[in-house]
Amino acid sequence: MKGGATTSPEVIPGQETDLSEAFARGWQVIVWNDPVNLMSYVVFVFMRVLGFDETRAKKHMLEVHEQGKSVVAMETREKAEFYCHRLQEFGLKSTLEAAPA
């Protein structure tokens, strides 16, 4: 570019809204019951991956066991995907869903 002229990026209408939605805490991490993992192991994984204390980890483990699932986190999409992937690496069945509006 001659003369030091610069151009600013084009702003697309609605782009600011899209970015704020991408970083909104609107994604649920759900852990599902399975017949494989021991309850004590599930508590261990919740403490290790999600940073739960033992009481909170046991509460969510019992929800998974008794109700078939538990929402263990509500995060941005990126962080929810990270947690979901880490839980799966430890052998837990987990998914993420957009939070109900």
Protein backbone atom coordinates (compact mmCIF):
# COMPACT_ATOMS: atom_id res chain seq x y z
CA MET A 1 0.00 0.00 0.00
CA LYS A 2 1.36 3.39 -0.99
CA GLY A 3 1.02 6.45 1.19
CA GLY A 4 0.21 4.51 4.37
CA ALA A 5 -3.50 4.36 3.64
CA THR A 6 -5.34 1.76 5.66
CA THR A 7 -8.75 0.27 5.38
CA SER A 8 -10.87 -0.97 8.20
CA PRO A 9 -12.52 -4.35 8.10
CA GLU A 10 -16.06 -4.45 6.86
CA VAL A 11 -18.60 -4.81 9.64
CA ILE A 12 -21.30 -7.29 8.79
CA PRO A 13 -24.71 -6.48 10.30
CA GLY A 14 -25.51 -8.89 13.14
CA GLN A 15 -21.87 -9.99 13.54
CA GLU A 16 -21.55 -8.44 17.02
CA THR A 17 -24.64 -10.38 18.16
CA ASP A 18 -23.20 -13.62 16.77
CA LEU A 19 -19.98 -13.14 18.72
CA SER A 20 -21.75 -12.38 21.99
CA GLU A 21 -23.91 -15.48 21.54
CA ALA A 22 -20.84 -17.63 20.87
CA PHE A 23 -19.37 -16.62 24.22
CA ALA A 24 -22.63 -16.75 26.19
CA ARG A 25 -22.89 -19.46 28.82
CA GLY A 26 -25.66 -21.23 27.00
CA TRP A 27 -24.37 -24.79 26.62
CA GLN A 28 -25.18 -27.63 28.99
CA VAL A 29 -22.77 -30.51 29.58
CA ILE A 30 -24.85 -33.61 30.31
CA VAL A 31 -23.51 -36.85 31.75
CA TRP A 32 -25.62 -39.96 31.10
CA ASN A 33 -25.96 -43.12 33.13
CA ASP A 34 -24.13 -46.22 31.96
CA PRO A 35 -23.85 -49.75 33.33
CA VAL A 36 -20.04 -49.75 33.18
CA ASN A 37 -18.52 -47.14 35.52
CA LEU A 38 -18.52 -47.48 39.29
CA MET A 39 -20.13 -44.67 41.28
CA SER A 40 -16.86 -43.96 43.08
CA TYR A 41 -15.10 -43.61 39.73
CA VAL A 42 -17.73 -41.14 38.47
CA VAL A 43 -17.21 -39.05 41.63
CA PHE A 44 -13.45 -39.13 41.02
CA VAL A 45 -13.87 -37.99 37.39
CA PHE A 46 -16.22 -35.13 38.35
CA MET A 47 -13.68 -33.94 40.91
CA ARG A 48 -10.75 -34.28 38.51
CA VAL A 49 -12.29 -32.86 35.32
CA LEU A 50 -14.85 -30.37 36.62
CA GLY A 51 -13.11 -29.35 39.86
CA PHE A 52 -16.08 -30.35 42.02
CA ASP A 53 -15.63 -30.91 45.73
CA GLU A 54 -16.63 -34.38 46.94
CA THR A 55 -20.13 -33.33 48.09
CA ARG A 56 -21.02 -31.74 44.74
CA ALA A 57 -19.49 -34.65 42.81
CA LYS A 58 -21.58 -37.16 44.79
CA LYS A 59 -24.76 -35.08 44.24
CA HIS A 60 -24.29 -35.16 40.46
CA MET A 61 -23.26 -38.82 40.47
CA LEU A 62 -26.51 -39.69 42.30
CA GLU A 63 -28.52 -37.64 39.78
CA VAL A 64 -26.90 -39.61 36.97
CA HIS A 65 -27.57 -42.90 38.76
CA GLU A 66 -31.16 -42.18 39.83
CA GLN A 67 -32.47 -39.95 37.02
CA GLY A 68 -30.36 -41.23 34.15
CA LYS A 69 -28.54 -37.95 33.54
CA SER A 70 -27.21 -34.81 35.17
CA VAL A 71 -26.36 -31.36 33.84
CA VAL A 72 -22.88 -30.96 35.30
CA ALA A 73 -21.95 -27.62 33.73
CA MET A 74 -23.40 -24.62 31.91
CA GLU A 75 -20.66 -22.96 29.90
CA THR A 76 -19.67 -21.26 26.66
CA ARG A 77 -19.70 -23.63 23.72
CA GLU A 78 -15.92 -23.93 23.60
CA LYS A 79 -15.57 -24.73 27.30
CA ALA A 80 -18.58 -27.09 27.20
CA GLU A 81 -16.98 -28.97 24.29
CA PHE A 82 -13.74 -29.20 26.25
CA TYR A 83 -15.48 -30.62 29.34
CA CYS A 84 -17.53 -33.04 27.24
CA HIS A 85 -14.42 -34.31 25.48
CA ARG A 86 -12.48 -34.70 28.76
CA LEU A 87 -15.35 -36.61 30.39
CA GLN A 88 -15.45 -38.92 27.37
CA GLU A 89 -11.69 -39.48 27.64
CA PHE A 90 -12.35 -40.80 31.15
CA GLY A 91 -15.00 -43.15 29.77
CA LEU A 92 -18.15 -41.28 30.78
CA LYS A 93 -20.99 -40.87 28.31
CA SER A 94 -21.49 -37.13 27.92
CA THR A 95 -23.10 -34.77 25.45
CA LEU A 96 -23.69 -31.06 25.12
CA GLU A 97 -26.87 -29.24 24.27
CA ALA A 98 -27.88 -25.65 23.82
CA ALA A 99 -29.68 -24.50 26.95
CA PRO A 100 -33.42 -24.11 26.55
CA ALA A 101 -34.37 -20.53 25.75
